[in-house]
Amino acid sequence: MRFVRYTDGTTPAWGLEREQTIHALSDLPWGEPSLNDLANPSYRSHVAARIENGASTQIDPTAVSLLAPVPQPGKIVCCGLNYHDHAQEQDETVPDSPMLFGKAPTAVTNPADPIVHPDPEGPPQVDYEVELAVVVGDTISSVDEADAYDHIAGYTVLNDVSERTAQNEDGQFFRGKSYDTFAPMGPRLVTGDDIDPNALDVELRVDGETKQSSNTEQFIFDVGELVAYISDAMTLRPGDVISTGTPGGVGIFRDPVEVLEPGQTVEAEIEGIGTLRNPVVGR
């Protein structure tokens, strides 16, 4: 199922997207859903039945703005070096276990909202990274790989925008990954009964030119392995986001280096989820 958070300029709301129509979930007896609801197959079945019976308001998607599925994650846990092709472009050995780092939740921004370059005239090198993001739907700890999928609310696109100069200066990722607007997310949240998260085409374009093109079959650690590994170290709660890593083709490893500049538009696309489009502007 394809869920969207949207606004018509008033209160944000959840809807179910079907055949180019948004069905308002607030009309249903249960009201606005939680992420725990979205992870529940029984809830999704009840929603589908009600929608089939015409029990909700239908909304034209062109009349609303789509929002990030999780505007304020409890935490964003990222996995570095999780595509074989990304390891190859860096001439790095494939890791034995996931390489984790954090990204500030305040970096989240909506589809179509701008990515703000911190200093277009200065040293910052702002890079793009298309990633499949996992949105946790339950509170889980030390979950098995096979059971991990049962606790996922859905999947979305996240552009792990990165300021490479800060990463190099700091010797770690947090500041460079966490500038405001550096986590565009959306355009929708798709449940696991519609897609296989470990077999999706992934692409990123800058001004229409393809920079990254791969498939999540290139994962070194698949979604189940990541959720199990992370949950063994820390409790995961509804609304936590796991960003699963980026494929090869990032700007910093191109020759010559290609980084983002104000005036450009970035499109991060994942099969079955859609295209996350954001312009780049100067601060």
C-alpha atoms as a PDB file:
ATOM      1  CA  MET A   1       0.000   0.000   0.000  1.00  0.00           C
ATOM      2  CA  ARG A   2       1.121   3.527  -0.799  1.00  0.00           C
ATOM      3  CA  PHE A   3       0.607   5.994   2.041  1.00  0.00           C
ATOM      4  CA  VAL A   4       1.266   9.733   1.830  1.00  0.00           C
ATOM      5  CA  ARG A   5       1.421  12.601   4.305  1.00  0.00           C
ATOM      6  CA  TYR A   6       0.024  15.703   2.703  1.00  0.00           C
ATOM      7  CA  THR A   7      -1.304  19.164   3.398  1.00  0.00           C
ATOM      8  CA  ASP A   8      -3.737  21.487   1.667  1.00  0.00           C
ATOM      9  CA  GLY A   9      -2.214  24.392   3.599  1.00  0.00           C
ATOM     10  CA  THR A  10      -3.899  23.458   6.866  1.00  0.00           C
ATOM     11  CA  THR A  11      -3.272  20.468   9.163  1.00  0.00           C
ATOM     12  CA  PRO A  12      -1.055  17.664   7.793  1.00  0.00           C
ATOM     13  CA  ALA A  13      -2.921  14.409   7.202  1.00  0.00           C
ATOM     14  CA  TRP A  14      -2.394  10.826   6.070  1.00  0.00           C
ATOM     15  CA  GLY A  15      -3.888   9.378   2.931  1.00  0.00           C
ATOM     16  CA  LEU A  16      -3.836   6.189   0.897  1.00  0.00           C
ATOM     17  CA  GLU A  17      -2.769   6.771  -2.694  1.00  0.00           C
ATOM     18  CA  ARG A  18      -4.514   4.706  -5.362  1.00  0.00           C
ATOM     19  CA  GLU A  19      -4.778   5.291  -9.085  1.00  0.00           C
ATOM     20  CA  GLN A  20      -3.718   8.940  -8.902  1.00  0.00           C
ATOM     21  CA  THR A  21      -6.175   9.656  -6.102  1.00  0.00           C
ATOM     22  CA  ILE A  22      -5.534  10.236  -2.392  1.00  0.00           C
ATOM     23  CA  HIS A  23      -8.091   8.739  -0.030  1.00  0.00           C
ATOM     24  CA  ALA A  24      -8.236  10.635   3.277  1.00  0.00           C
ATOM     25  CA  LEU A  25      -7.676   8.279   6.201  1.00  0.00           C
ATOM     26  CA  SER A  26      -9.059  10.757   8.736  1.00  0.00           C
ATOM     27  CA  ASP A  27     -12.548   9.877   7.424  1.00  0.00           C
ATOM     28  CA  LEU A  28     -12.237   6.286   8.610  1.00  0.00           C
ATOM     29  CA  PRO A  29     -13.476   5.200  12.073  1.00  0.00           C
ATOM     30  CA  TRP A  30      -9.924   4.978  13.434  1.00  0.00           C
ATOM     31  CA  GLY A  31      -8.983   8.522  12.402  1.00  0.00           C
ATOM     32  CA  GLU A  32      -5.392   9.466  11.600  1.00  0.00           C
ATOM     33  CA  PRO A  33      -3.127   6.389  11.738  1.00  0.00           C
ATOM     34  CA  SER A  34       0.043   5.935  13.748  1.00  0.00           C
ATOM     35  CA  LEU A  35       3.121   4.326  12.243  1.00  0.00           C
ATOM     36  CA  ASN A  36       2.297   1.329  14.411  1.00  0.00           C
ATOM     37  CA  ASP A  37      -1.042   1.129  12.581  1.00  0.00           C
ATOM     38  CA  LEU A  38       0.660   1.230   9.190  1.00  0.00           C
ATOM     39  CA  ALA A  39       2.910  -1.672  10.211  1.00  0.00           C
ATOM     40  CA  ASN A  40      -0.154  -3.752  11.166  1.00  0.00           C
ATOM     41  CA  PRO A  41      -1.509  -5.989   8.351  1.00  0.00           C
ATOM     42  CA  SER A  42      -4.922  -6.079  10.021  1.00  0.00           C
ATOM     43  CA  TYR A  43      -5.172  -2.281   9.960  1.00  0.00           C
ATOM     44  CA  ARG A  44      -4.120  -2.181   6.314  1.00  0.00           C
ATOM     45  CA  SER A  45      -6.716  -4.828   5.431  1.00  0.00           C
ATOM     46  CA  HIS A  46      -9.485  -2.846   7.153  1.00  0.00           C
ATOM     47  CA  VAL A  47      -8.395   0.326   5.359  1.00  0.00           C
ATOM     48  CA  ALA A  48      -8.417  -1.408   1.983  1.00  0.00           C
ATOM     49  CA  ALA A  49     -11.946  -2.716   2.578  1.00  0.00           C
ATOM     50  CA  ARG A  50     -13.263   0.707   3.601  1.00  0.00           C
ATOM     51  CA  ILE A  51     -11.651   2.398   0.611  1.00  0.00           C
ATOM     52  CA  GLU A  52     -13.178  -0.178  -1.727  1.00  0.00           C
ATOM     53  CA  ASN A  53     -16.582   0.707  -0.261  1.00  0.00           C
ATOM     54  CA  GLY A  54     -16.037   4.421  -0.894  1.00  0.00           C
ATOM     55  CA  ALA A  55     -15.854   5.338   2.779  1.00  0.00           C
ATOM     56  CA  SER A  56     -13.346   8.189   2.457  1.00  0.00           C
ATOM     57  CA  THR A  57     -12.977  11.569   0.815  1.00  0.00           C
ATOM     58  CA  GLN A  58     -11.081  11.498  -2.472  1.00  0.00           C
ATOM     59  CA  ILE A  59      -8.441  14.183  -2.995  1.00  0.00           C
ATOM     60  CA  ASP A  60      -6.723  15.321  -6.169  1.00  0.00           C
ATOM     61  CA  PRO A  61      -2.947  14.951  -5.578  1.00  0.00           C
ATOM     62  CA  THR A  62      -2.302  18.121  -7.580  1.00  0.00           C
ATOM     63  CA  ALA A  63      -4.343  20.097  -5.029  1.00  0.00           C
ATOM     64  CA  VAL A  64      -2.065  19.262  -2.087  1.00  0.00           C
ATOM     65  CA  SER A  65       1.624  19.238  -1.170  1.00  0.00           C
ATOM     66  CA  LEU A  66       3.287  16.000  -0.159  1.00  0.00           C
ATOM     67  CA  LEU A  67       5.216  15.968   3.118  1.00  0.00           C
ATOM     68  CA  ALA A  68       8.015  13.867   4.589  1.00  0.00           C
ATOM     69  CA  PRO A  69       6.469  10.636   5.953  1.00  0.00           C
ATOM     70  CA  VAL A  70       8.355  11.122   9.238  1.00  0.00           C
ATOM     71  CA  PRO A  71       8.881  14.841   9.935  1.00  0.00           C
ATOM     72  CA  GLN A  72      10.542  14.318  13.329  1.00  0.00           C
ATOM     73  CA  PRO A  73      12.237  10.914  13.581  1.00  0.00           C
ATOM     74  CA  GLY A  74      13.345   9.787  17.012  1.00  0.00           C
ATOM     75  CA  LYS A  75      16.662   8.975  15.391  1.00  0.00           C
ATOM     76  CA  ILE A  76      18.129   8.490  11.931  1.00  0.00           C
ATOM     77  CA  VAL A  77      20.569   5.583  11.810  1.00  0.00           C
ATOM     78  CA  CYS A  78      22.599   5.438   8.605  1.00  0.00           C
ATOM     79  CA  CYS A  79      24.678   2.643   7.140  1.00  0.00           C
ATOM     80  CA  GLY A  80      27.842   3.555   5.276  1.00  0.00           C
ATOM     81  CA  LEU A  81      29.422   1.424   2.557  1.00  0.00           C
ATOM     82  CA  ASN A  82      26.445  -0.883   2.043  1.00  0.00           C
ATOM     83  CA  TYR A  83      26.498  -1.291  -1.747  1.00  0.00           C
ATOM     84  CA  HIS A  84      29.097  -3.434  -3.473  1.00  0.00           C
ATOM     85  CA  ASP A  85      29.440  -0.853  -6.271  1.00  0.00           C
ATOM     86  CA  HIS A  86      29.996   1.979  -3.752  1.00  0.00           C
ATOM     87  CA  ALA A  87      32.760  -0.042  -2.086  1.00  0.00           C
ATOM     88  CA  GLN A  88      34.352  -0.662  -5.481  1.00  0.00           C
ATOM     89  CA  GLU A  89      34.416   3.030  -6.473  1.00  0.00           C
ATOM     90  CA  GLN A  90      36.297   3.805  -3.219  1.00  0.00           C
ATOM     91  CA  ASP A  91      38.567   0.762  -3.578  1.00  0.00           C
ATOM     92  CA  GLU A  92      37.382  -0.284  -0.106  1.00  0.00           C
ATOM     93  CA  THR A  93      37.213  -3.796   1.319  1.00  0.00           C
ATOM     94  CA  VAL A  94      33.662  -5.033   1.891  1.00  0.00           C
ATOM     95  CA  PRO A  95      32.995  -4.640   5.649  1.00  0.00           C
ATOM     96  CA  ASP A  96      32.309  -7.647   7.867  1.00  0.00           C
ATOM     97  CA  SER A  97      29.545  -5.805   9.737  1.00  0.00           C
ATOM     98  CA  PRO A  98      27.448  -2.679   9.065  1.00  0.00           C
ATOM     99  CA  MET A  99      29.235   0.663   9.464  1.00  0.00           C
ATOM    100  CA  LEU A 100      26.767   2.862  11.334  1.00  0.00           C
ATOM    101  CA  PHE A 101      26.584   6.604  11.910  1.00  0.00           C
ATOM    102  CA  GLY A 102      23.910   9.105  12.883  1.00  0.00           C
ATOM    103  CA  LYS A 103      22.206  12.004  11.172  1.00  0.00           C
ATOM    104  CA  ALA A 104      20.344  14.698  13.117  1.00  0.00           C
ATOM    105  CA  PRO A 105      16.545  14.337  12.919  1.00  0.00           C
ATOM    106  CA  THR A 106      16.291  18.107  12.360  1.00  0.00           C
ATOM    107  CA  ALA A 107      17.864  17.594   8.908  1.00  0.00           C
ATOM    108  CA  VAL A 108      14.561  16.222   7.546  1.00  0.00           C
ATOM    109  CA  THR A 109      12.835  18.281   4.868  1.00  0.00           C
ATOM    110  CA  ASN A 110       9.864  17.707   2.574  1.00  0.00           C
ATOM    111  CA  PRO A 111       9.588  16.746  -1.082  1.00  0.00           C
ATOM    112  CA  ALA A 112       9.976  19.846  -3.298  1.00  0.00           C
ATOM    113  CA  ASP A 113      11.442  21.921  -0.448  1.00  0.00           C
ATOM    114  CA  PRO A 114      14.943  23.295  -1.034  1.00  0.00           C
ATOM    115  CA  ILE A 115      18.247  21.808   0.013  1.00  0.00           C
ATOM    116  CA  VAL A 116      20.076  24.799   1.503  1.00  0.00           C
ATOM    117  CA  HIS A 117      23.774  25.004   0.603  1.00  0.00           C
ATOM    118  CA  PRO A 118      25.551  26.385   3.717  1.00  0.00           C
ATOM    119  CA  ASP A 119      28.106  28.527   1.861  1.00  0.00           C
ATOM    120  CA  PRO A 120      28.112  28.536  -1.967  1.00  0.00           C
ATOM    121  CA  GLU A 121      31.171  30.845  -2.077  1.00  0.00           C
ATOM    122  CA  GLY A 122      33.151  28.939   0.558  1.00  0.00           C
ATOM    123  CA  PRO A 123      34.817  25.548   0.982  1.00  0.00           C
ATOM    124  CA  PRO A 124      31.760  23.320   1.612  1.00  0.00           C
ATOM    125  CA  GLN A 125      31.315  20.494  -0.907  1.00  0.00           C
ATOM    126  CA  VAL A 126      27.655  19.429  -0.844  1.00  0.00           C
ATOM    127  CA  ASP A 127      27.086  15.945  -2.220  1.00  0.00           C
ATOM    128  CA  TYR A 128      24.055  13.773  -2.988  1.00  0.00           C
ATOM    129  CA  GLU A 129      23.314  10.195  -1.884  1.00  0.00           C
ATOM    130  CA  VAL A 130      20.101   8.424  -2.887  1.00  0.00           C
ATOM    131  CA  GLU A 131      19.078   5.890  -0.228  1.00  0.00           C
ATOM    132  CA  LEU A 132      16.236   3.526   0.618  1.00  0.00           C
ATOM    133  CA  ALA A 133      14.945   4.491   4.051  1.00  0.00           C
ATOM    134  CA  VAL A 134      13.258   2.029   6.409  1.00  0.00           C
ATOM    135  CA  VAL A 135      10.629   3.503   8.741  1.00  0.00           C
ATOM    136  CA  VAL A 136      10.224   1.527  11.962  1.00  0.00           C
ATOM    137  CA  GLY A 137       6.636   0.827  13.023  1.00  0.00           C
ATOM    138  CA  ASP A 138       7.038  -0.963  16.379  1.00  0.00           C
ATOM    139  CA  THR A 139       9.236  -0.818  19.457  1.00  0.00           C
ATOM    140  CA  ILE A 140      11.798  -3.567  18.913  1.00  0.00           C
ATOM    141  CA  SER A 141      14.959  -4.821  20.537  1.00  0.00           C
ATOM    142  CA  SER A 142      17.196  -7.715  19.439  1.00  0.00           C
ATOM    143  CA  VAL A 143      14.797  -8.773  16.692  1.00  0.00           C
ATOM    144  CA  ASP A 144      15.695 -11.710  14.422  1.00  0.00           C
ATOM    145  CA  GLU A 145      16.437 -11.018  10.749  1.00  0.00           C
ATOM    146  CA  ALA A 146      13.461 -13.084   9.617  1.00  0.00           C
ATOM    147  CA  ASP A 147      11.083 -11.215  11.935  1.00  0.00           C
ATOM    148  CA  ALA A 148      12.443  -7.732  11.255  1.00  0.00           C
ATOM    149  CA  TYR A 149      10.152  -7.078   8.296  1.00  0.00           C
ATOM    150  CA  ASP A 150       7.052  -7.530  10.468  1.00  0.00           C
ATOM    151  CA  HIS A 151       8.001  -4.409  12.438  1.00  0.00           C
ATOM    152  CA  ILE A 152       8.507  -2.030   9.505  1.00  0.00           C
ATOM    153  CA  ALA A 153       5.841   0.587   8.771  1.00  0.00           C
ATOM    154  CA  GLY A 154       7.149   1.085   5.255  1.00  0.00           C
ATOM    155  CA  TYR A 155       9.870   2.321   2.954  1.00  0.00           C
ATOM    156  CA  THR A 156      10.592   5.747   1.520  1.00  0.00           C
ATOM    157  CA  VAL A 157      13.333   7.640  -0.323  1.00  0.00           C
ATOM    158  CA  LEU A 158      15.947   9.634   1.596  1.00  0.00           C
ATOM    159  CA  ASN A 159      18.618  11.820   0.028  1.00  0.00           C
ATOM    160  CA  ASP A 160      21.525  11.629   2.479  1.00  0.00           C
ATOM    161  CA  VAL A 161      22.916  15.051   1.522  1.00  0.00           C
ATOM    162  CA  SER A 162      26.471  15.359   2.805  1.00  0.00           C
ATOM    163  CA  GLU A 163      28.916  18.204   3.292  1.00  0.00           C
ATOM    164  CA  ARG A 164      32.238  16.543   2.500  1.00  0.00           C
ATOM    165  CA  THR A 165      34.548  19.300   3.752  1.00  0.00           C
ATOM    166  CA  ALA A 166      33.062  19.062   7.253  1.00  0.00           C
ATOM    167  CA  GLN A 167      33.364  15.266   7.164  1.00  0.00           C
ATOM    168  CA  ASN A 168      37.042  15.490   6.298  1.00  0.00           C
ATOM    169  CA  GLU A 169      37.773  18.222   8.843  1.00  0.00           C
ATOM    170  CA  ASP A 170      35.969  16.434  11.676  1.00  0.00           C
ATOM    171  CA  GLY A 171      37.162  12.910  10.933  1.00  0.00           C
ATOM    172  CA  GLN A 172      33.581  11.700  11.421  1.00  0.00           C
ATOM    173  CA  PHE A 173      30.236  12.161   9.721  1.00  0.00           C
ATOM    174  CA  PHE A 174      27.750  13.751  12.111  1.00  0.00           C
ATOM    175  CA  ARG A 175      28.145  17.479  11.393  1.00  0.00           C
ATOM    176  CA  GLY A 176      28.586  17.038   7.662  1.00  0.00           C
ATOM    177  CA  LYS A 177      25.460  14.900   7.439  1.00  0.00           C
ATOM    178  CA  SER A 178      23.264  16.998   9.723  1.00  0.00           C
ATOM    179  CA  TYR A 179      22.898  20.493   8.302  1.00  0.00           C
ATOM    180  CA  ASP A 180      19.294  21.631   8.202  1.00  0.00           C
ATOM    181  CA  THR A 181      17.544  20.339   5.009  1.00  0.00           C
ATOM    182  CA  PHE A 182      20.169  17.622   4.469  1.00  0.00           C
ATOM    183  CA  ALA A 183      17.644  14.764   4.747  1.00  0.00           C
ATOM    184  CA  PRO A 184      14.959  15.247   2.097  1.00  0.00           C
ATOM    185  CA  MET A 185      12.438  12.409   2.556  1.00  0.00           C
ATOM    186  CA  GLY A 186       9.446  11.132   0.570  1.00  0.00           C
ATOM    187  CA  PRO A 187       7.433  11.316  -1.562  1.00  0.00           C
ATOM    188  CA  ARG A 188       5.444   8.429  -0.049  1.00  0.00           C
ATOM    189  CA  LEU A 189       5.648   5.511   2.380  1.00  0.00           C
ATOM    190  CA  VAL A 190       5.203   2.130   0.702  1.00  0.00           C
ATOM    191  CA  THR A 191       4.564  -1.035   2.690  1.00  0.00           C
ATOM    192  CA  GLY A 192       6.377  -4.320   2.215  1.00  0.00           C
ATOM    193  CA  ASP A 193       3.358  -6.043   0.711  1.00  0.00           C
ATOM    194  CA  ASP A 194       3.850  -3.890  -2.418  1.00  0.00           C
ATOM    195  CA  ILE A 195       7.628  -4.034  -2.887  1.00  0.00           C
ATOM    196  CA  ASP A 196      10.681  -6.178  -2.132  1.00  0.00           C
ATOM    197  CA  PRO A 197      13.087  -3.714  -0.487  1.00  0.00           C
ATOM    198  CA  ASN A 198      16.063  -5.873  -1.416  1.00  0.00           C
ATOM    199  CA  ALA A 199      15.363  -5.804  -5.166  1.00  0.00           C
ATOM    200  CA  LEU A 200      14.581  -2.215  -6.197  1.00  0.00           C
ATOM    201  CA  ASP A 201      16.107  -0.026  -8.879  1.00  0.00           C
ATOM    202  CA  VAL A 202      17.706   3.103  -7.399  1.00  0.00           C
ATOM    203  CA  GLU A 203      18.653   6.229  -9.334  1.00  0.00           C
ATOM    204  CA  LEU A 204      19.703   9.822  -8.723  1.00  0.00           C
ATOM    205  CA  ARG A 205      19.727  12.627 -11.277  1.00  0.00           C
ATOM    206  CA  VAL A 206      21.070  16.187 -11.148  1.00  0.00           C
ATOM    207  CA  ASP A 207      19.388  18.517 -13.636  1.00  0.00           C
ATOM    208  CA  GLY A 208      18.123  15.447 -15.475  1.00  0.00           C
ATOM    209  CA  GLU A 209      21.553  13.793 -15.811  1.00  0.00           C
ATOM    210  CA  THR A 210      21.878  10.374 -14.175  1.00  0.00           C
ATOM    211  CA  LYS A 211      24.621  10.281 -11.533  1.00  0.00           C
ATOM    212  CA  GLN A 212      23.731   7.111  -9.594  1.00  0.00           C
ATOM    213  CA  SER A 213      22.044   3.996 -10.974  1.00  0.00           C
ATOM    214  CA  SER A 214      21.952   0.673  -9.168  1.00  0.00           C
ATOM    215  CA  ASN A 215      19.665  -1.858  -7.482  1.00  0.00           C
ATOM    216  CA  THR A 216      19.256  -2.786  -3.830  1.00  0.00           C
ATOM    217  CA  GLU A 217      20.308  -6.301  -4.854  1.00  0.00           C
ATOM    218  CA  GLN A 218      23.763  -4.694  -4.520  1.00  0.00           C
ATOM    219  CA  PHE A 219      23.244  -4.411  -0.748  1.00  0.00           C
ATOM    220  CA  ILE A 220      26.084  -5.851   1.338  1.00  0.00           C
ATOM    221  CA  PHE A 221      23.665  -6.116   4.277  1.00  0.00           C
ATOM    222  CA  ASP A 222      19.996  -6.407   3.376  1.00  0.00           C
ATOM    223  CA  VAL A 223      17.136  -4.755   5.240  1.00  0.00           C
ATOM    224  CA  GLY A 224      16.530  -7.682   7.601  1.00  0.00           C
ATOM    225  CA  GLU A 225      20.206  -7.893   8.502  1.00  0.00           C
ATOM    226  CA  LEU A 226      20.413  -4.145   9.160  1.00  0.00           C
ATOM    227  CA  VAL A 227      17.320  -3.997  11.361  1.00  0.00           C
ATOM    228  CA  ALA A 228      18.481  -7.032  13.353  1.00  0.00           C
ATOM    229  CA  TYR A 229      22.016  -5.672  13.766  1.00  0.00           C
ATOM    230  CA  ILE A 230      20.896  -2.199  14.847  1.00  0.00           C
ATOM    231  CA  SER A 231      18.168  -3.481  17.177  1.00  0.00           C
ATOM    232  CA  ASP A 232      20.739  -5.662  18.927  1.00  0.00           C
ATOM    233  CA  ALA A 233      22.608  -2.497  19.935  1.00  0.00           C
ATOM    234  CA  MET A 234      19.747  -0.070  20.590  1.00  0.00           C
ATOM    235  CA  THR A 235      15.990  -0.103  21.008  1.00  0.00           C
ATOM    236  CA  LEU A 236      14.163   1.011  17.878  1.00  0.00           C
ATOM    237  CA  ARG A 237      10.866   2.864  18.252  1.00  0.00           C
ATOM    238  CA  PRO A 238       8.071   3.849  15.862  1.00  0.00           C
ATOM    239  CA  GLY A 239       9.267   6.697  13.671  1.00  0.00           C
ATOM    240  CA  ASP A 240      12.940   5.812  13.837  1.00  0.00           C
ATOM    241  CA  VAL A 241      14.470   5.833  10.355  1.00  0.00           C
ATOM    242  CA  ILE A 242      17.186   3.526   9.043  1.00  0.00           C
ATOM    243  CA  SER A 243      18.896   4.826   5.908  1.00  0.00           C
ATOM    244  CA  THR A 244      20.372   1.821   4.148  1.00  0.00           C
ATOM    245  CA  GLY A 245      23.338   3.322   2.304  1.00  0.00           C
ATOM    246  CA  THR A 246      23.997   4.707  -1.158  1.00  0.00           C
ATOM    247  CA  PRO A 247      25.221   3.107  -4.384  1.00  0.00           C
ATOM    248  CA  GLY A 248      28.210   4.142  -6.465  1.00  0.00           C
ATOM    249  CA  GLY A 249      28.304   7.405  -8.384  1.00  0.00           C
ATOM    250  CA  VAL A 250      28.437  10.012  -5.612  1.00  0.00           C
ATOM    251  CA  GLY A 251      29.938  13.338  -6.624  1.00  0.00           C
ATOM    252  CA  ILE A 252      33.022  13.310  -4.414  1.00  0.00           C
ATOM    253  CA  PHE A 253      34.416  10.181  -6.102  1.00  0.00           C
ATOM    254  CA  ARG A 254      33.894  11.444  -9.638  1.00  0.00           C
ATOM    255  CA  ASP A 255      36.801  12.688 -11.739  1.00  0.00           C
ATOM    256  CA  PRO A 256      36.553  15.621 -11.766  1.00  0.00           C
ATOM    257  CA  VAL A 257      34.589  15.990  -8.527  1.00  0.00           C
ATOM    258  CA  GLU A 258      30.946  17.018  -9.058  1.00  0.00           C
ATOM    259  CA  VAL A 259      29.154  18.644  -6.118  1.00  0.00           C
ATOM    260  CA  LEU A 260      25.807  20.398  -5.802  1.00  0.00           C
ATOM    261  CA  GLU A 261      25.407  24.116  -6.448  1.00  0.00           C
ATOM    262  CA  PRO A 262      22.489  26.537  -6.002  1.00  0.00           C
ATOM    263  CA  GLY A 263      20.189  26.512  -9.020  1.00  0.00           C
ATOM    264  CA  GLN A 264      20.421  22.754  -9.551  1.00  0.00           C
ATOM    265  CA  THR A 265      17.615  20.232  -9.011  1.00  0.00           C
ATOM    266  CA  VAL A 266      18.172  16.786  -7.517  1.00  0.00           C
ATOM    267  CA  GLU A 267      15.865  13.842  -8.222  1.00  0.00           C
ATOM    268  CA  ALA A 268      16.258  10.708  -6.105  1.00  0.00           C
ATOM    269  CA  GLU A 269      14.113   7.852  -7.426  1.00  0.00           C
ATOM    270  CA  ILE A 270      13.444   4.338  -6.118  1.00  0.00           C
ATOM    271  CA  GLU A 271      11.351   1.808  -7.980  1.00  0.00           C
ATOM    272  CA  GLY A 272       7.863   1.376  -6.539  1.00  0.00           C
ATOM    273  CA  ILE A 273       8.201   4.421  -4.241  1.00  0.00           C
ATOM    274  CA  GLY A 274       8.634   7.354  -6.594  1.00  0.00           C
ATOM    275  CA  THR A 275      10.799  10.382  -7.202  1.00  0.00           C
ATOM    276  CA  LEU A 276      11.956  12.763  -4.471  1.00  0.00           C
ATOM    277  CA  ARG A 277      12.685  16.093  -6.121  1.00  0.00           C
ATOM    278  CA  ASN A 278      14.411  19.044  -4.407  1.00  0.00           C
ATOM    279  CA  PRO A 279      15.997  22.251  -5.698  1.00  0.00           C
ATOM    280  CA  VAL A 280      19.310  23.484  -4.296  1.00  0.00           C
ATOM    281  CA  VAL A 281      19.488  27.068  -3.017  1.00  0.00           C
ATOM    282  CA  GLY A 282      22.092  29.195  -1.261  1.00  0.00           C
ATOM    283  CA  ARG A 283      21.745  30.187   2.390  1.00  0.00           C
END
